[in-house]
């Protein structure tokens, strides 16, 4: 799962930008990053190919 950066701050050690699935797992997982309020799940929109294998 990729995450989109929406915050106006940062979590120490985590890039303040959109994160790839690999980065999400390397920085504590999606649940913790979303709970910080700085990231949201990057859901596919019309015209954007859905990622079927969760990467």
N, C-alpha and C. Protein backbone atom coordinates (compact mmCIF):
# COMPACT_ATOMS: atom_id res chain seq x y z
N UNK A 1 0.85 -1.17 0.00
CA UNK A 1 0.00 0.00 0.00
C UNK A 1 0.90 1.23 0.00
N UNK A 2 0.61 2.15 -0.88
CA UNK A 2 1.34 3.41 -0.89
C UNK A 2 0.57 4.44 -0.08
N UNK A 3 1.31 5.40 0.46
CA UNK A 3 0.68 6.44 1.25
C UNK A 3 1.00 7.81 0.66
N UNK A 4 0.02 8.69 0.74
CA UNK A 4 0.16 10.05 0.25
C UNK A 4 0.41 10.96 1.45
N UNK A 5 1.41 11.82 1.33
CA UNK A 5 1.75 12.76 2.40
C UNK A 5 0.78 13.94 2.34
N UNK A 6 0.11 14.23 3.46
CA UNK A 6 -0.85 15.34 3.52
C UNK A 6 -0.56 16.27 4.68
N UNK A 7 0.48 15.98 5.43
CA UNK A 7 0.76 16.74 6.64
C UNK A 7 1.55 18.00 6.43
N UNK A 8 1.64 18.74 7.51
CA UNK A 8 2.44 19.96 7.54
C UNK A 8 3.48 19.78 8.64
N UNK A 9 4.01 18.59 8.74
CA UNK A 9 5.00 18.27 9.75
C UNK A 9 5.76 17.04 9.32
N UNK A 10 6.36 16.36 10.30
CA UNK A 10 7.12 15.16 9.95
C UNK A 10 7.19 14.21 11.14
N UNK A 11 7.50 12.97 10.83
CA UNK A 11 7.80 11.95 11.83
C UNK A 11 9.30 11.74 11.73
N UNK A 12 10.04 11.85 12.84
CA UNK A 12 11.49 11.67 12.78
C UNK A 12 11.89 10.38 12.06
N UNK A 13 12.76 10.52 11.08
CA UNK A 13 13.26 9.36 10.33
C UNK A 13 12.41 8.94 9.15
N UNK A 14 11.25 9.58 8.96
CA UNK A 14 10.35 9.22 7.85
C UNK A 14 10.32 10.39 6.86
N UNK A 15 10.50 10.11 5.56
CA UNK A 15 10.46 11.19 4.58
C UNK A 15 9.11 11.92 4.58
N UNK A 16 9.16 13.24 4.48
CA UNK A 16 7.94 14.05 4.42
C UNK A 16 7.51 14.18 2.96
N UNK A 17 7.05 13.06 2.39
CA UNK A 17 6.61 12.98 0.99
C UNK A 17 5.79 11.71 0.84
N UNK A 18 5.21 11.50 -0.34
CA UNK A 18 4.49 10.26 -0.61
C UNK A 18 5.46 9.10 -0.45
N UNK A 19 4.95 7.97 0.07
CA UNK A 19 5.79 6.80 0.33
C UNK A 19 5.38 5.61 -0.52
N UNK A 20 6.36 4.85 -0.96
CA UNK A 20 6.10 3.60 -1.68
C UNK A 20 5.74 2.52 -0.66
N UNK A 21 5.24 1.40 -1.14
CA UNK A 21 4.88 0.30 -0.26
C UNK A 21 6.08 -0.18 0.55
N UNK A 22 7.24 -0.24 -0.06
CA UNK A 22 8.45 -0.68 0.62
C UNK A 22 8.83 0.29 1.74
N UNK A 23 8.70 1.58 1.46
CA UNK A 23 9.01 2.60 2.47
C UNK A 23 8.01 2.55 3.63
N UNK A 24 6.75 2.32 3.32
CA UNK A 24 5.73 2.23 4.36
C UNK A 24 6.10 1.12 5.34
N UNK A 25 6.42 -0.05 4.83
CA UNK A 25 6.78 -1.18 5.69
C UNK A 25 8.07 -0.91 6.46
N UNK A 26 9.00 -0.23 5.86
CA UNK A 26 10.27 0.07 6.51
C UNK A 26 10.19 1.13 7.59
N UNK A 27 9.07 1.85 7.64
CA UNK A 27 8.91 2.93 8.62
C UNK A 27 7.76 2.67 9.58
N UNK A 28 7.48 1.41 9.87
CA UNK A 28 6.50 1.09 10.90
C UNK A 28 5.14 0.63 10.43
N UNK A 29 4.90 0.64 9.14
CA UNK A 29 3.63 0.17 8.61
C UNK A 29 2.59 1.27 8.43
N UNK A 30 1.61 0.96 7.60
CA UNK A 30 0.59 1.94 7.22
C UNK A 30 -0.23 2.41 8.41
N UNK A 31 -0.60 1.51 9.29
CA UNK A 31 -1.48 1.87 10.41
C UNK A 31 -0.83 2.97 11.26
N UNK A 32 0.43 2.83 11.59
CA UNK A 32 1.12 3.82 12.42
C UNK A 32 1.30 5.14 11.68
N UNK A 33 1.63 5.08 10.41
CA UNK A 33 1.85 6.31 9.65
C UNK A 33 0.54 7.07 9.43
N UNK A 34 -0.53 6.36 9.15
CA UNK A 34 -1.84 7.01 8.99
C UNK A 34 -2.29 7.61 10.33
N UNK A 35 -2.03 6.90 11.42
CA UNK A 35 -2.41 7.40 12.75
C UNK A 35 -1.69 8.71 13.09
N UNK A 36 -0.54 8.95 12.47
CA UNK A 36 0.19 10.19 12.73
C UNK A 36 -0.55 11.42 12.20
N UNK A 37 -1.49 11.19 11.26
CA UNK A 37 -2.23 12.28 10.66
C UNK A 37 -1.51 12.95 9.50
N UNK A 38 -0.33 12.46 9.18
CA UNK A 38 0.47 13.06 8.11
C UNK A 38 0.36 12.30 6.79
N UNK A 39 -0.22 11.11 6.83
CA UNK A 39 -0.32 10.27 5.64
C UNK A 39 -1.72 9.71 5.52
N UNK A 40 -2.17 9.51 4.29
CA UNK A 40 -3.44 8.84 4.00
C UNK A 40 -3.17 7.80 2.94
N UNK A 41 -4.06 6.81 2.87
CA UNK A 41 -3.93 5.77 1.85
C UNK A 41 -4.09 6.40 0.48
N UNK A 42 -3.19 6.07 -0.43
CA UNK A 42 -3.24 6.58 -1.80
C UNK A 42 -4.09 5.63 -2.62
N UNK A 43 -5.38 5.96 -2.73
CA UNK A 43 -6.33 5.11 -3.44
C UNK A 43 -6.33 5.47 -4.92
N UNK A 44 -6.42 4.46 -5.79
CA UNK A 44 -6.46 4.72 -7.23
C UNK A 44 -7.67 5.57 -7.60
N UNK A 45 -7.48 6.47 -8.55
CA UNK A 45 -8.56 7.30 -9.05
C UNK A 45 -8.80 6.93 -10.50
N UNK A 46 -9.83 7.48 -11.10
CA UNK A 46 -10.13 7.21 -12.50
C UNK A 46 -8.91 7.54 -13.35
N UNK A 47 -8.55 6.61 -14.21
CA UNK A 47 -7.41 6.83 -15.08
C UNK A 47 -6.09 6.36 -14.50
N UNK A 48 -6.09 5.98 -13.23
CA UNK A 48 -4.88 5.49 -12.57
C UNK A 48 -5.01 4.00 -12.39
N UNK A 49 -4.03 3.25 -12.84
CA UNK A 49 -4.08 1.80 -12.76
C UNK A 49 -4.02 1.35 -11.30
N UNK A 50 -4.94 0.49 -10.91
CA UNK A 50 -4.97 -0.05 -9.55
C UNK A 50 -3.82 -1.03 -9.37
N UNK A 51 -3.22 -1.03 -8.21
CA UNK A 51 -2.14 -1.94 -7.88
C UNK A 51 -2.73 -3.19 -7.26
N UNK A 52 -2.72 -4.29 -8.00
CA UNK A 52 -3.41 -5.49 -7.57
C UNK A 52 -2.65 -6.30 -6.52
N UNK A 53 -1.32 -6.19 -6.45
CA UNK A 53 -0.58 -7.02 -5.51
C UNK A 53 -0.12 -6.26 -4.27
N UNK A 54 -0.61 -5.06 -4.05
CA UNK A 54 -0.34 -4.34 -2.83
C UNK A 54 1.00 -3.66 -2.75
N UNK A 55 1.72 -3.57 -3.85
CA UNK A 55 3.03 -2.91 -3.83
C UNK A 55 2.89 -1.44 -4.09
